Amino acid sequence: MIRVLLVDDDPLVRQLLSAVLAAAPDVDVVGTATDGDEVADAVAAHRPDVVLMDLQMRRVGGIAATAALQRRPDAPRVVALTSFGSDDAVRAALDAGVVGFVNKTADPEDVVKVLRDVAAGHGGLDPAAQRALIDGRGADRAGTDRQREAQVRLAALTAREREVVEWLPHGLSNPQIAERTYLSASTVKQHLSSAMRTLGVDSREALAVVVDRAGATARPD
């Protein structure tokens, strides 16, 4: 079972998400919290595998609460529940330790899929979240300085690593990237792992944001 802690200051959202997750046979909502300042105690009490956390709350936001959780030696993985208002929020969430994103308008099956992916040790994006990242919403994408910074970071990659990571913003799996780059899926995985180490990021989603911000997304034929 995937043990999930729900964190949202809207009681209706908590109720709806609890009902959605209760329908999944492998998900157990072990507790809820009504704001970010309750997260630490709730995690200690319920020991969840994944925290599904709203980013915008009244007292303590989800980004600050996530960053605080990372100081725990047994920190659960965090999935952000968000409406994707800006690239700044996405970058801040990734920097804080968020490894997955669920749009507040996501279909129930997409929410469950993201939780399963994250619990399995992967990053997770529901389709609406993926589109938001690819679209590059917000002023951050248009910011010349940040674009240059991302381009400089990507310049540290090898040519093969660059070829592989440029497909990430399209939300492709390793086998799908392998088909487009004429590499094996295991080689794609190795290149992605090496690129993440070089750029100092810990998820495919964070790497995809750097690629998208640099304007280096692959163009399908």
N, C-alpha and C. Protein backbone atom coordinates (compact mmCIF):
# COMPACT_ATOMS: atom_id res chain seq x y z
N MET A 1 0.83 -1.20 0.00
CA MET A 1 0.00 0.00 0.00
C MET A 1 0.87 1.26 0.00
N ILE A 2 0.42 2.26 -0.72
CA ILE A 2 1.10 3.56 -0.74
C ILE A 2 0.44 4.44 0.32
N ARG A 3 1.19 4.79 1.34
CA ARG A 3 0.66 5.59 2.43
C ARG A 3 0.78 7.08 2.06
N VAL A 4 -0.36 7.78 2.03
CA VAL A 4 -0.40 9.16 1.55
C VAL A 4 -0.91 10.09 2.64
N LEU A 5 -0.23 11.22 2.79
CA LEU A 5 -0.69 12.30 3.65
C LEU A 5 -1.20 13.43 2.76
N LEU A 6 -2.44 13.89 2.98
CA LEU A 6 -3.02 14.99 2.21
C LEU A 6 -2.83 16.29 2.98
N VAL A 7 -2.33 17.31 2.30
CA VAL A 7 -2.12 18.61 2.93
C VAL A 7 -2.76 19.69 2.07
N ASP A 8 -3.85 20.29 2.56
CA ASP A 8 -4.53 21.36 1.84
C ASP A 8 -5.39 22.13 2.83
N ASP A 9 -5.41 23.45 2.69
CA ASP A 9 -6.19 24.25 3.64
C ASP A 9 -7.66 24.38 3.24
N ASP A 10 -8.04 23.77 2.13
CA ASP A 10 -9.44 23.78 1.69
C ASP A 10 -10.09 22.45 2.07
N PRO A 11 -11.05 22.45 3.00
CA PRO A 11 -11.66 21.19 3.44
C PRO A 11 -12.36 20.45 2.31
N LEU A 12 -12.91 21.16 1.33
CA LEU A 12 -13.57 20.50 0.21
C LEU A 12 -12.56 19.74 -0.63
N VAL A 13 -11.39 20.35 -0.87
CA VAL A 13 -10.34 19.66 -1.64
C VAL A 13 -9.89 18.41 -0.91
N ARG A 14 -9.70 18.53 0.40
CA ARG A 14 -9.28 17.34 1.18
C ARG A 14 -10.33 16.24 1.07
N GLN A 15 -11.59 16.62 1.16
CA GLN A 15 -12.66 15.63 1.08
C GLN A 15 -12.70 14.96 -0.28
N LEU A 16 -12.59 15.75 -1.33
CA LEU A 16 -12.65 15.20 -2.68
C LEU A 16 -11.47 14.28 -2.96
N LEU A 17 -10.26 14.72 -2.57
CA LEU A 17 -9.08 13.90 -2.81
C LEU A 17 -9.12 12.61 -2.00
N SER A 18 -9.62 12.70 -0.78
CA SER A 18 -9.74 11.50 0.04
C SER A 18 -10.66 10.48 -0.63
N ALA A 19 -11.76 10.97 -1.20
CA ALA A 19 -12.69 10.08 -1.89
C ALA A 19 -12.06 9.47 -3.14
N VAL A 20 -11.33 10.30 -3.89
CA VAL A 20 -10.66 9.82 -5.11
C VAL A 20 -9.66 8.72 -4.76
N LEU A 21 -8.83 8.97 -3.75
CA LEU A 21 -7.77 8.02 -3.42
C LEU A 21 -8.31 6.77 -2.74
N ALA A 22 -9.43 6.90 -2.05
CA ALA A 22 -10.03 5.74 -1.40
C ALA A 22 -10.47 4.68 -2.41
N ALA A 23 -10.71 5.11 -3.64
CA ALA A 23 -11.14 4.19 -4.69
C ALA A 23 -9.98 3.38 -5.27
N ALA A 24 -8.75 3.80 -4.98
CA ALA A 24 -7.58 3.07 -5.50
C ALA A 24 -7.22 1.95 -4.53
N PRO A 25 -7.10 0.72 -5.00
CA PRO A 25 -6.86 -0.41 -4.10
C PRO A 25 -5.49 -0.41 -3.43
N ASP A 26 -4.53 0.34 -4.00
CA ASP A 26 -3.18 0.32 -3.46
C ASP A 26 -2.79 1.63 -2.79
N VAL A 27 -3.76 2.50 -2.51
CA VAL A 27 -3.48 3.79 -1.87
C VAL A 27 -4.25 3.89 -0.55
N ASP A 28 -3.55 4.29 0.49
CA ASP A 28 -4.16 4.45 1.81
C ASP A 28 -3.89 5.87 2.32
N VAL A 29 -4.94 6.67 2.46
CA VAL A 29 -4.78 8.02 3.02
C VAL A 29 -4.66 7.86 4.53
N VAL A 30 -3.44 8.01 5.03
CA VAL A 30 -3.17 7.74 6.45
C VAL A 30 -3.41 8.97 7.33
N GLY A 31 -3.54 10.15 6.72
CA GLY A 31 -3.78 11.35 7.51
C GLY A 31 -3.94 12.57 6.65
N THR A 32 -4.36 13.66 7.26
CA THR A 32 -4.50 14.94 6.57
C THR A 32 -3.90 16.05 7.43
N ALA A 33 -3.57 17.15 6.79
CA ALA A 33 -3.12 18.35 7.48
C ALA A 33 -3.78 19.53 6.82
N THR A 34 -4.10 20.55 7.60
CA THR A 34 -4.86 21.68 7.07
C THR A 34 -3.99 22.87 6.69
N ASP A 35 -2.68 22.79 6.96
CA ASP A 35 -1.78 23.87 6.56
C ASP A 35 -0.34 23.37 6.67
N GLY A 36 0.57 24.16 6.09
CA GLY A 36 1.95 23.72 6.04
C GLY A 36 2.63 23.58 7.39
N ASP A 37 2.19 24.33 8.39
CA ASP A 37 2.83 24.25 9.69
C ASP A 37 2.43 22.99 10.47
N GLU A 38 1.50 22.20 9.92
CA GLU A 38 1.10 20.95 10.55
C GLU A 38 1.80 19.73 9.94
N VAL A 39 2.56 19.96 8.87
CA VAL A 39 3.10 18.84 8.10
C VAL A 39 4.11 18.02 8.90
N ALA A 40 5.04 18.67 9.57
CA ALA A 40 6.08 17.94 10.29
C ALA A 40 5.48 16.98 11.31
N ASP A 41 4.53 17.46 12.11
CA ASP A 41 3.91 16.61 13.12
C ASP A 41 3.10 15.49 12.47
N ALA A 42 2.42 15.81 11.37
CA ALA A 42 1.61 14.79 10.69
C ALA A 42 2.49 13.69 10.10
N VAL A 43 3.63 14.07 9.55
CA VAL A 43 4.56 13.08 8.99
C VAL A 43 5.11 12.20 10.11
N ALA A 44 5.46 12.81 11.23
CA ALA A 44 5.97 12.03 12.36
C ALA A 44 4.92 11.05 12.88
N ALA A 45 3.67 11.48 12.88
CA ALA A 45 2.59 10.65 13.42
C ALA A 45 2.17 9.53 12.47
N HIS A 46 2.14 9.83 11.16
CA HIS A 46 1.56 8.87 10.21
C HIS A 46 2.58 8.17 9.32
N ARG A 47 3.80 8.69 9.23
CA ARG A 47 4.87 8.09 8.42
C ARG A 47 4.41 7.74 7.00
N PRO A 48 3.98 8.73 6.24
CA PRO A 48 3.52 8.45 4.87
C PRO A 48 4.70 8.17 3.93
N ASP A 49 4.39 7.50 2.83
CA ASP A 49 5.38 7.32 1.76
C ASP A 49 5.42 8.56 0.87
N VAL A 50 4.25 9.16 0.67
CA VAL A 50 4.12 10.33 -0.21
C VAL A 50 3.24 11.38 0.46
N VAL A 51 3.64 12.63 0.33
CA VAL A 51 2.83 13.75 0.80
C VAL A 51 2.28 14.47 -0.43
N LEU A 52 0.96 14.56 -0.53
CA LEU A 52 0.31 15.31 -1.61
C LEU A 52 -0.02 16.68 -1.03
N MET A 53 0.73 17.70 -1.46
CA MET A 53 0.74 18.98 -0.76
C MET A 53 0.37 20.16 -1.66
N ASP A 54 -0.59 20.94 -1.20
CA ASP A 54 -0.93 22.19 -1.87
C ASP A 54 0.23 23.16 -1.71
N LEU A 55 0.52 23.94 -2.75
CA LEU A 55 1.61 24.90 -2.66
C LEU A 55 1.18 26.22 -2.04
N GLN A 56 -0.10 26.58 -2.19
CA GLN A 56 -0.59 27.86 -1.69
C GLN A 56 -1.50 27.62 -0.49
N MET A 57 -1.00 27.95 0.71
CA MET A 57 -1.80 27.81 1.93
C MET A 57 -1.67 29.06 2.79
N ARG A 58 -2.56 29.20 3.74
CA ARG A 58 -2.69 30.47 4.45
C ARG A 58 -1.49 30.79 5.33
N ARG A 59 -1.05 29.82 6.14
CA ARG A 59 -0.01 30.12 7.12
C ARG A 59 1.39 29.79 6.60
N VAL A 60 1.59 28.56 6.17
CA VAL A 60 2.89 28.13 5.64
C VAL A 60 2.65 27.44 4.31
N GLY A 61 3.25 27.95 3.25
CA GLY A 61 3.06 27.38 1.93
C GLY A 61 3.73 26.03 1.76
N GLY A 62 3.30 25.33 0.72
CA GLY A 62 3.83 23.99 0.47
C GLY A 62 5.30 23.96 0.14
N ILE A 63 5.83 25.00 -0.48
CA ILE A 63 7.26 25.02 -0.81
C ILE A 63 8.09 25.07 0.47
N ALA A 64 7.73 25.95 1.41
CA ALA A 64 8.44 26.04 2.67
C ALA A 64 8.30 24.75 3.47
N ALA A 65 7.11 24.17 3.47
CA ALA A 65 6.89 22.93 4.20
C ALA A 65 7.70 21.77 3.61
N THR A 66 7.80 21.75 2.28
CA THR A 66 8.59 20.72 1.61
C THR A 66 10.07 20.85 1.96
N ALA A 67 10.57 22.09 1.91
CA ALA A 67 11.98 22.32 2.23
C ALA A 67 12.29 21.88 3.66
N ALA A 68 11.38 22.13 4.58
CA ALA A 68 11.58 21.72 5.97
C ALA A 68 11.61 20.21 6.09
N LEU A 69 10.78 19.52 5.30
CA LEU A 69 10.76 18.06 5.36
C LEU A 69 12.07 17.43 4.92
N GLN A 70 12.78 18.09 4.00
CA GLN A 70 14.01 17.51 3.48
C GLN A 70 15.10 17.38 4.53
N ARG A 71 14.93 18.06 5.65
CA ARG A 71 15.92 17.96 6.73
C ARG A 71 15.73 16.68 7.54
N ARG A 72 14.65 15.97 7.31
CA ARG A 72 14.41 14.71 8.01
C ARG A 72 15.18 13.59 7.32
N PRO A 73 15.81 12.70 8.08
CA PRO A 73 16.53 11.59 7.44
C PRO A 73 15.62 10.61 6.72
N ASP A 74 14.35 10.57 7.12
CA ASP A 74 13.39 9.64 6.52
C ASP A 74 12.29 10.40 5.78
N ALA A 75 12.66 11.50 5.14
CA ALA A 75 11.67 12.38 4.50
C ALA A 75 10.85 11.62 3.45
N PRO A 76 9.54 11.75 3.48
CA PRO A 76 8.71 11.16 2.42
C PRO A 76 8.86 11.96 1.14
N ARG A 77 8.45 11.39 0.02
CA ARG A 77 8.49 12.10 -1.24
C ARG A 77 7.27 13.02 -1.32
N VAL A 78 7.45 14.16 -1.99
CA VAL A 78 6.39 15.18 -2.02
C VAL A 78 5.90 15.40 -3.44
N VAL A 79 4.58 15.36 -3.60
CA VAL A 79 3.92 15.71 -4.86
C VAL A 79 3.16 17.01 -4.62
N ALA A 80 3.43 18.00 -5.46
CA ALA A 80 2.78 19.30 -5.32
C ALA A 80 1.43 19.30 -6.00
N LEU A 81 0.45 19.82 -5.29
CA LEU A 81 -0.90 20.03 -5.83
C LEU A 81 -0.99 21.51 -6.18
N THR A 82 -1.08 21.82 -7.47
CA THR A 82 -0.92 23.20 -7.89
C THR A 82 -1.74 23.53 -9.11
N SER A 83 -1.88 24.83 -9.37
CA SER A 83 -2.56 25.29 -10.58
C SER A 83 -1.57 25.86 -11.59
N PHE A 84 -0.25 25.75 -11.32
CA PHE A 84 0.79 26.18 -12.24
C PHE A 84 0.65 27.63 -12.67
N GLY A 85 0.82 28.52 -11.71
CA GLY A 85 0.70 29.94 -12.03
C GLY A 85 1.93 30.52 -12.70
N SER A 86 3.13 29.99 -12.39
CA SER A 86 4.35 30.57 -12.99
C SER A 86 5.48 29.57 -12.95
N ASP A 87 6.46 29.79 -13.83
CA ASP A 87 7.66 28.97 -13.83
C ASP A 87 8.46 29.17 -12.55
N ASP A 88 8.40 30.37 -11.96
CA ASP A 88 9.11 30.62 -10.71
C ASP A 88 8.64 29.65 -9.64
N ALA A 89 7.34 29.41 -9.55
CA ALA A 89 6.80 28.50 -8.55
C ALA A 89 7.27 27.07 -8.82
N VAL A 90 7.32 26.67 -10.07
CA VAL A 90 7.78 25.34 -10.43
C VAL A 90 9.24 25.16 -10.02
N ARG A 91 10.07 26.13 -10.38
CA ARG A 91 11.49 26.05 -10.05
C ARG A 91 11.69 26.03 -8.53
N ALA A 92 10.99 26.88 -7.82
CA ALA A 92 11.11 26.92 -6.36
C ALA A 92 10.68 25.60 -5.74
N ALA A 93 9.62 25.01 -6.27
CA ALA A 93 9.14 23.74 -5.74
C ALA A 93 10.16 22.63 -5.98
N LEU A 94 10.74 22.59 -7.16
CA LEU A 94 11.75 21.58 -7.46
C LEU A 94 12.98 21.77 -6.58
N ASP A 95 13.39 23.02 -6.40
CA ASP A 95 14.54 23.29 -5.54
C ASP A 95 14.27 22.87 -4.10
N ALA A 96 13.02 22.99 -3.67
CA ALA A 96 12.66 22.64 -2.29
C ALA A 96 12.63 21.14 -2.07
N GLY A 97 12.48 20.36 -3.15
CA GLY A 97 12.46 18.92 -3.02
C GLY A 97 11.24 18.22 -3.57
N VAL A 98 10.33 18.96 -4.20
CA VAL A 98 9.16 18.35 -4.83
C VAL A 98 9.61 17.46 -5.99
N VAL A 99 9.05 16.27 -6.09
CA VAL A 99 9.45 15.35 -7.17
C VAL A 99 8.31 15.04 -8.13
N GLY A 100 7.13 15.59 -7.88
CA GLY A 100 6.01 15.36 -8.78
C GLY A 100 5.01 16.49 -8.70
N PHE A 101 4.19 16.63 -9.74
CA PHE A 101 3.20 17.70 -9.79
C PHE A 101 1.86 17.13 -10.25
N VAL A 102 0.81 17.56 -9.57
CA VAL A 102 -0.55 17.21 -9.96
C VAL A 102 -1.34 18.50 -10.10
N ASN A 103 -1.90 18.72 -11.28
CA ASN A 103 -2.73 19.89 -11.47
C ASN A 103 -4.05 19.71 -10.73
N LYS A 104 -4.58 20.79 -10.18
CA LYS A 104 -5.82 20.71 -9.41
C LYS A 104 -7.02 20.29 -10.25
N THR A 105 -6.86 20.34 -11.57
CA THR A 105 -7.95 19.91 -12.45
C THR A 105 -7.72 18.50 -13.00
N ALA A 106 -6.73 17.78 -12.48
CA ALA A 106 -6.37 16.47 -13.01
C ALA A 106 -7.49 15.45 -12.81
N ASP A 107 -7.58 14.52 -13.73
CA ASP A 107 -8.53 13.41 -13.59
C ASP A 107 -8.08 12.49 -12.45
N PRO A 108 -9.02 11.85 -11.77
CA PRO A 108 -8.66 10.98 -10.64
C PRO A 108 -7.61 9.92 -10.99
N GLU A 109 -7.75 9.29 -12.15
CA GLU A 109 -6.79 8.24 -12.51
C GLU A 109 -5.39 8.81 -12.71
N ASP A 110 -5.30 10.08 -13.15
CA ASP A 110 -3.99 10.70 -13.32
C ASP A 110 -3.35 11.00 -11.97
N VAL A 111 -4.16 11.41 -11.00
CA VAL A 111 -3.64 11.66 -9.66
C VAL A 111 -3.05 10.37 -9.09
N VAL A 112 -3.78 9.29 -9.20
CA VAL A 112 -3.31 8.01 -8.67
C VAL A 112 -2.05 7.54 -9.39
N LYS A 113 -1.99 7.72 -10.69
CA LYS A 113 -0.81 7.31 -11.45
C LYS A 113 0.43 8.06 -10.99
N VAL A 114 0.30 9.37 -10.78
CA VAL A 114 1.45 10.16 -10.31
C VAL A 114 1.92 9.66 -8.95
N LEU A 115 0.99 9.39 -8.05
CA LEU A 115 1.36 8.89 -6.73
C LEU A 115 2.07 7.54 -6.83
N ARG A 116 1.60 6.68 -7.71
CA ARG A 116 2.26 5.39 -7.89
C ARG A 116 3.67 5.57 -8.44
N ASP A 117 3.83 6.45 -9.43
CA ASP A 117 5.15 6.68 -10.02
C ASP A 117 6.12 7.22 -8.97
N VAL A 118 5.66 8.19 -8.20
CA VAL A 118 6.51 8.80 -7.19
C VAL A 118 6.86 7.81 -6.09
N ALA A 119 5.90 7.02 -5.65
CA ALA A 119 6.15 6.01 -4.62
C ALA A 119 7.16 4.97 -5.09
N ALA A 120 7.20 4.73 -6.41
CA ALA A 120 8.13 3.77 -6.99
C ALA A 120 9.53 4.35 -7.17
N GLY A 121 9.70 5.62 -6.81
CA GLY A 121 11.01 6.23 -6.89
C GLY A 121 11.25 7.08 -8.11
N HIS A 122 10.21 7.32 -8.88
CA HIS A 122 10.33 8.13 -10.10
C HIS A 122 9.73 9.52 -9.86
N GLY A 123 9.94 10.41 -10.83
CA GLY A 123 9.22 11.67 -10.80
C GLY A 123 7.83 11.44 -11.36
N GLY A 124 6.93 12.42 -11.21
CA GLY A 124 5.58 12.23 -11.71
C GLY A 124 4.94 13.53 -12.14
N LEU A 125 4.27 13.47 -13.29
CA LEU A 125 3.52 14.61 -13.81
C LEU A 125 2.21 14.10 -14.39
N ASP A 126 1.10 14.74 -14.03
CA ASP A 126 -0.12 14.39 -14.72
C ASP A 126 -0.12 15.14 -16.06
N PRO A 127 -0.94 14.73 -17.04
CA PRO A 127 -0.89 15.35 -18.36
C PRO A 127 -1.05 16.87 -18.37
N ALA A 128 -1.93 17.40 -17.52
CA ALA A 128 -2.11 18.85 -17.48
C ALA A 128 -0.85 19.54 -16.96
N ALA A 129 -0.20 18.93 -15.98
CA ALA A 129 1.04 19.50 -15.46
C ALA A 129 2.13 19.45 -16.52
N GLN A 130 2.19 18.34 -17.26
CA GLN A 130 3.19 18.23 -18.32
C GLN A 130 3.00 19.32 -19.36
N ARG A 131 1.76 19.58 -19.74
CA ARG A 131 1.50 20.63 -20.74
C ARG A 131 1.92 22.00 -20.21
N ALA A 132 1.68 22.23 -18.92
CA ALA A 132 2.05 23.52 -18.33
C ALA A 132 3.55 23.74 -18.39
N LEU A 133 4.33 22.68 -18.12
CA LEU A 133 5.78 22.82 -18.18
C LEU A 133 6.27 23.01 -19.61
N ILE A 134 5.68 22.27 -20.54
CA ILE A 134 6.10 22.40 -21.93
C ILE A 134 5.76 23.78 -22.48
N ASP A 135 4.59 24.30 -22.09
CA ASP A 135 4.19 25.62 -22.56
C ASP A 135 5.12 26.72 -22.06
N GLY A 136 5.83 26.45 -20.95
CA GLY A 136 6.73 27.46 -20.40
C GLY A 136 5.99 28.68 -19.94
N ARG A 137 4.93 28.50 -19.15
CA ARG A 137 4.15 29.63 -18.69
C ARG A 137 4.96 30.55 -17.79
N GLY A 138 4.55 31.81 -17.77
CA GLY A 138 5.13 32.76 -16.82
C GLY A 138 6.26 33.56 -17.42
N ALA A 139 6.64 34.57 -16.71
CA ALA A 139 7.68 35.48 -17.18
C ALA A 139 9.05 34.84 -17.17
N ASP A 140 9.24 33.77 -16.40
CA ASP A 140 10.55 33.17 -16.28
C ASP A 140 11.07 32.69 -17.63
N ARG A 141 10.19 32.09 -18.43
CA ARG A 141 10.60 31.58 -19.73
C ARG A 141 11.10 32.70 -20.62
N ALA A 142 10.49 33.87 -20.49
CA ALA A 142 10.87 35.00 -21.33
C ALA A 142 12.08 35.74 -20.79
N GLY A 143 12.50 35.44 -19.60
CA GLY A 143 13.62 36.15 -18.99
C GLY A 143 14.93 35.77 -19.64
N THR A 144 15.57 36.73 -20.29
CA THR A 144 16.80 36.46 -21.02
C THR A 144 17.89 35.93 -20.11
N ASP A 145 18.05 36.51 -18.94
CA ASP A 145 19.11 36.09 -18.04
C ASP A 145 18.95 34.64 -17.62
N ARG A 146 17.73 34.26 -17.28
CA ARG A 146 17.51 32.88 -16.85
C ARG A 146 17.66 31.91 -18.01
N GLN A 147 17.28 32.34 -19.19
CA GLN A 147 17.46 31.48 -20.34
C GLN A 147 18.95 31.24 -20.60
N ARG A 148 19.73 32.30 -20.49
CA ARG A 148 21.17 32.16 -20.69
C ARG A 148 21.79 31.26 -19.63
N GLU A 149 21.32 31.40 -18.40
CA GLU A 149 21.83 30.55 -17.32
C GLU A 149 21.56 29.08 -17.63
N ALA A 150 20.35 28.79 -18.10
CA ALA A 150 20.01 27.41 -18.44
C ALA A 150 20.85 26.92 -19.61
N GLN A 151 21.09 27.77 -20.58
CA GLN A 151 21.90 27.39 -21.74
C GLN A 151 23.34 27.08 -21.32
N VAL A 152 23.86 27.87 -20.39
CA VAL A 152 25.22 27.63 -19.89
C VAL A 152 25.28 26.29 -19.17
N ARG A 153 24.25 25.98 -18.39
CA ARG A 153 24.22 24.70 -17.68
C ARG A 153 24.20 23.52 -18.65
N LEU A 154 23.38 23.64 -19.69
CA LEU A 154 23.30 22.55 -20.67
C LEU A 154 24.60 22.37 -21.44
N ALA A 155 25.38 23.44 -21.57
CA ALA A 155 26.65 23.36 -22.29
C ALA A 155 27.64 22.42 -21.61
N ALA A 156 27.40 22.10 -20.34
CA ALA A 156 28.30 21.20 -19.61
C ALA A 156 28.05 19.74 -19.97
N LEU A 157 26.97 19.45 -20.69
CA LEU A 157 26.64 18.07 -21.05
C LEU A 157 27.40 17.64 -22.30
N THR A 158 27.59 16.33 -22.45
CA THR A 158 28.16 15.81 -23.68
C THR A 158 27.12 15.91 -24.80
N ALA A 159 27.58 15.75 -26.02
CA ALA A 159 26.66 15.84 -27.16
C ALA A 159 25.56 14.79 -27.07
N ARG A 160 25.90 13.58 -26.66
CA ARG A 160 24.91 12.51 -26.54
C ARG A 160 23.92 12.80 -25.42
N GLU A 161 24.42 13.28 -24.28
CA GLU A 161 23.53 13.63 -23.18
C GLU A 161 22.56 14.71 -23.61
N ARG A 162 23.07 15.70 -24.31
CA ARG A 162 22.24 16.80 -24.78
C ARG A 162 21.15 16.28 -25.73
N GLU A 163 21.53 15.38 -26.62
CA GLU A 163 20.58 14.82 -27.57
C GLU A 163 19.44 14.10 -26.85
N VAL A 164 19.77 13.42 -25.76
CA VAL A 164 18.77 12.67 -25.00
C VAL A 164 17.87 13.59 -24.19
N VAL A 165 18.48 14.54 -23.45
CA VAL A 165 17.68 15.37 -22.54
C VAL A 165 16.75 16.30 -23.29
N GLU A 166 17.05 16.62 -24.54
CA GLU A 166 16.20 17.54 -25.30
C GLU A 166 14.80 16.97 -25.55
N TRP A 167 14.62 15.66 -25.34
CA TRP A 167 13.29 15.05 -25.52
C TRP A 167 12.47 15.05 -24.24
N LEU A 168 13.08 15.37 -23.11
CA LEU A 168 12.37 15.28 -21.84
C LEU A 168 11.13 16.16 -21.74
N PRO A 169 11.17 17.42 -22.21
CA PRO A 169 9.96 18.25 -22.07
C PRO A 169 8.75 17.71 -22.81
N HIS A 170 8.94 16.75 -23.71
CA HIS A 170 7.81 16.15 -24.40
C HIS A 170 7.15 15.06 -23.55
N GLY A 171 7.72 14.76 -22.39
CA GLY A 171 7.12 13.76 -21.51
C GLY A 171 7.30 12.33 -21.98
N LEU A 172 8.35 12.06 -22.77
CA LEU A 172 8.56 10.73 -23.32
C LEU A 172 9.23 9.80 -22.30
N SER A 173 8.94 8.53 -22.42
CA SER A 173 9.60 7.51 -21.59
C SER A 173 10.98 7.21 -22.17
N ASN A 174 11.79 6.47 -21.44
CA ASN A 174 13.12 6.10 -21.94
C ASN A 174 13.04 5.32 -23.25
N PRO A 175 12.15 4.32 -23.37
CA PRO A 175 12.06 3.62 -24.66
C PRO A 175 11.65 4.54 -25.82
N GLN A 176 10.76 5.48 -25.54
CA GLN A 176 10.34 6.41 -26.60
C GLN A 176 11.49 7.33 -27.02
N ILE A 177 12.29 7.79 -26.05
CA ILE A 177 13.46 8.59 -26.39
C ILE A 177 14.46 7.74 -27.17
N ALA A 178 14.60 6.48 -26.77
CA ALA A 178 15.53 5.58 -27.45
C ALA A 178 15.18 5.43 -28.93
N GLU A 179 13.88 5.33 -29.23
CA GLU A 179 13.45 5.21 -30.63
C GLU A 179 13.87 6.41 -31.45
N ARG A 180 13.82 7.59 -30.83
CA ARG A 180 14.10 8.82 -31.57
C ARG A 180 15.60 9.14 -31.66
N THR A 181 16.38 8.56 -30.78
CA THR A 181 17.82 8.84 -30.78
C THR A 181 18.65 7.65 -31.25
N TYR A 182 17.97 6.55 -31.60
CA TYR A 182 18.65 5.33 -32.08
C TYR A 182 19.63 4.79 -31.05
N LEU A 183 19.20 4.83 -29.80
CA LEU A 183 19.98 4.28 -28.70
C LEU A 183 19.14 3.23 -27.99
N SER A 184 19.76 2.45 -27.13
CA SER A 184 18.99 1.51 -26.33
C SER A 184 18.38 2.25 -25.14
N ALA A 185 17.31 1.70 -24.59
CA ALA A 185 16.68 2.33 -23.44
C ALA A 185 17.63 2.41 -22.25
N SER A 186 18.48 1.39 -22.07
CA SER A 186 19.44 1.42 -20.97
C SER A 186 20.48 2.51 -21.16
N THR A 187 20.87 2.75 -22.41
CA THR A 187 21.83 3.83 -22.68
C THR A 187 21.20 5.19 -22.43
N VAL A 188 19.94 5.33 -22.82
CA VAL A 188 19.21 6.57 -22.53
C VAL A 188 19.18 6.81 -21.03
N LYS A 189 18.87 5.78 -20.27
CA LYS A 189 18.83 5.90 -18.81
C LYS A 189 20.17 6.35 -18.25
N GLN A 190 21.25 5.78 -18.77
CA GLN A 190 22.60 6.15 -18.32
C GLN A 190 22.90 7.61 -18.62
N HIS A 191 22.53 8.06 -19.83
CA HIS A 191 22.78 9.46 -20.21
C HIS A 191 21.97 10.41 -19.34
N LEU A 192 20.73 10.06 -19.03
CA LEU A 192 19.90 10.91 -18.18
C LEU A 192 20.47 10.99 -16.77
N SER A 193 20.91 9.86 -16.24
CA SER A 193 21.50 9.85 -14.90
C SER A 193 22.76 10.70 -14.85
N SER A 194 23.59 10.58 -15.88
CA SER A 194 24.81 11.38 -15.94
C SER A 194 24.50 12.86 -16.05
N ALA A 195 23.49 13.21 -16.87
CA ALA A 195 23.11 14.62 -17.04
C ALA A 195 22.59 15.20 -15.73
N MET A 196 21.80 14.42 -14.98
CA MET A 196 21.28 14.91 -13.71
C MET A 196 22.41 15.16 -12.71
N ARG A 197 23.40 14.27 -12.70
CA ARG A 197 24.55 14.48 -11.81
C ARG A 197 25.32 15.73 -12.21
N THR A 198 25.53 15.91 -13.49
CA THR A 198 26.30 17.07 -13.97
C THR A 198 25.61 18.38 -13.63
N LEU A 199 24.28 18.41 -13.78
CA LEU A 199 23.53 19.65 -13.55
C LEU A 199 23.08 19.80 -12.10
N GLY A 200 23.30 18.78 -11.28
CA GLY A 200 22.94 18.88 -9.87
C GLY A 200 21.45 18.87 -9.62
N VAL A 201 20.69 18.13 -10.43
CA VAL A 201 19.25 17.99 -10.22
C VAL A 201 18.95 16.54 -9.90
N ASP A 202 17.81 16.28 -9.24
CA ASP A 202 17.54 14.92 -8.78
C ASP A 202 16.28 14.31 -9.37
N SER A 203 15.78 14.88 -10.46
CA SER A 203 14.60 14.28 -11.08
C SER A 203 14.55 14.64 -12.57
N ARG A 204 13.83 13.81 -13.33
CA ARG A 204 13.64 14.07 -14.75
C ARG A 204 12.89 15.39 -14.95
N GLU A 205 11.95 15.68 -14.03
CA GLU A 205 11.16 16.90 -14.16
C GLU A 205 12.03 18.14 -14.04
N ALA A 206 12.97 18.12 -13.07
CA ALA A 206 13.87 19.26 -12.90
C ALA A 206 14.75 19.43 -14.13
N LEU A 207 15.21 18.32 -14.68
CA LEU A 207 16.03 18.38 -15.89
C LEU A 207 15.22 18.91 -17.07
N ALA A 208 13.95 18.49 -17.16
CA ALA A 208 13.09 18.97 -18.24
C ALA A 208 12.87 20.48 -18.15
N VAL A 209 12.77 21.01 -16.93
CA VAL A 209 12.59 22.45 -16.76
C VAL A 209 13.80 23.21 -17.27
N VAL A 210 15.02 22.71 -16.97
CA VAL A 210 16.25 23.37 -17.45
C VAL A 210 16.28 23.37 -18.98
N VAL A 211 15.95 22.24 -19.58
CA VAL A 211 15.96 22.14 -21.05
C VAL A 211 14.94 23.10 -21.66
N ASP A 212 13.73 23.11 -21.10
CA ASP A 212 12.68 23.97 -21.63
C ASP A 212 13.04 25.44 -21.48
N ARG A 213 13.60 25.80 -20.31
CA ARG A 213 13.97 27.19 -20.07
C ARG A 213 15.07 27.66 -21.03
N ALA A 214 15.96 26.73 -21.39
CA ALA A 214 17.05 27.07 -22.31
C ALA A 214 16.57 27.17 -23.75
N GLY A 215 15.33 26.76 -24.01
CA GLY A 215 14.83 26.77 -25.37
C GLY A 215 15.44 25.67 -26.22
N ALA A 216 15.82 24.57 -25.55
CA ALA A 216 16.56 23.51 -26.23
C ALA A 216 15.72 22.26 -26.47
N THR A 217 14.41 22.37 -26.35
CA THR A 217 13.54 21.20 -26.54
C THR A 217 13.64 20.69 -27.98
N ALA A 218 13.74 19.37 -28.12
CA ALA A 218 13.84 18.77 -29.43
C ALA A 218 12.60 19.07 -30.25
N ARG A 219 12.78 19.25 -31.54
CA ARG A 219 11.67 19.51 -32.46
C ARG A 219 11.38 18.23 -33.25
N PRO A 220 10.24 17.58 -33.00
CA PRO A 220 9.92 16.36 -33.76
C PRO A 220 9.86 16.65 -35.25
N ASP A 221 10.26 15.67 -36.04
CA ASP A 221 10.21 15.83 -37.51
C ASP A 221 8.76 15.88 -37.98
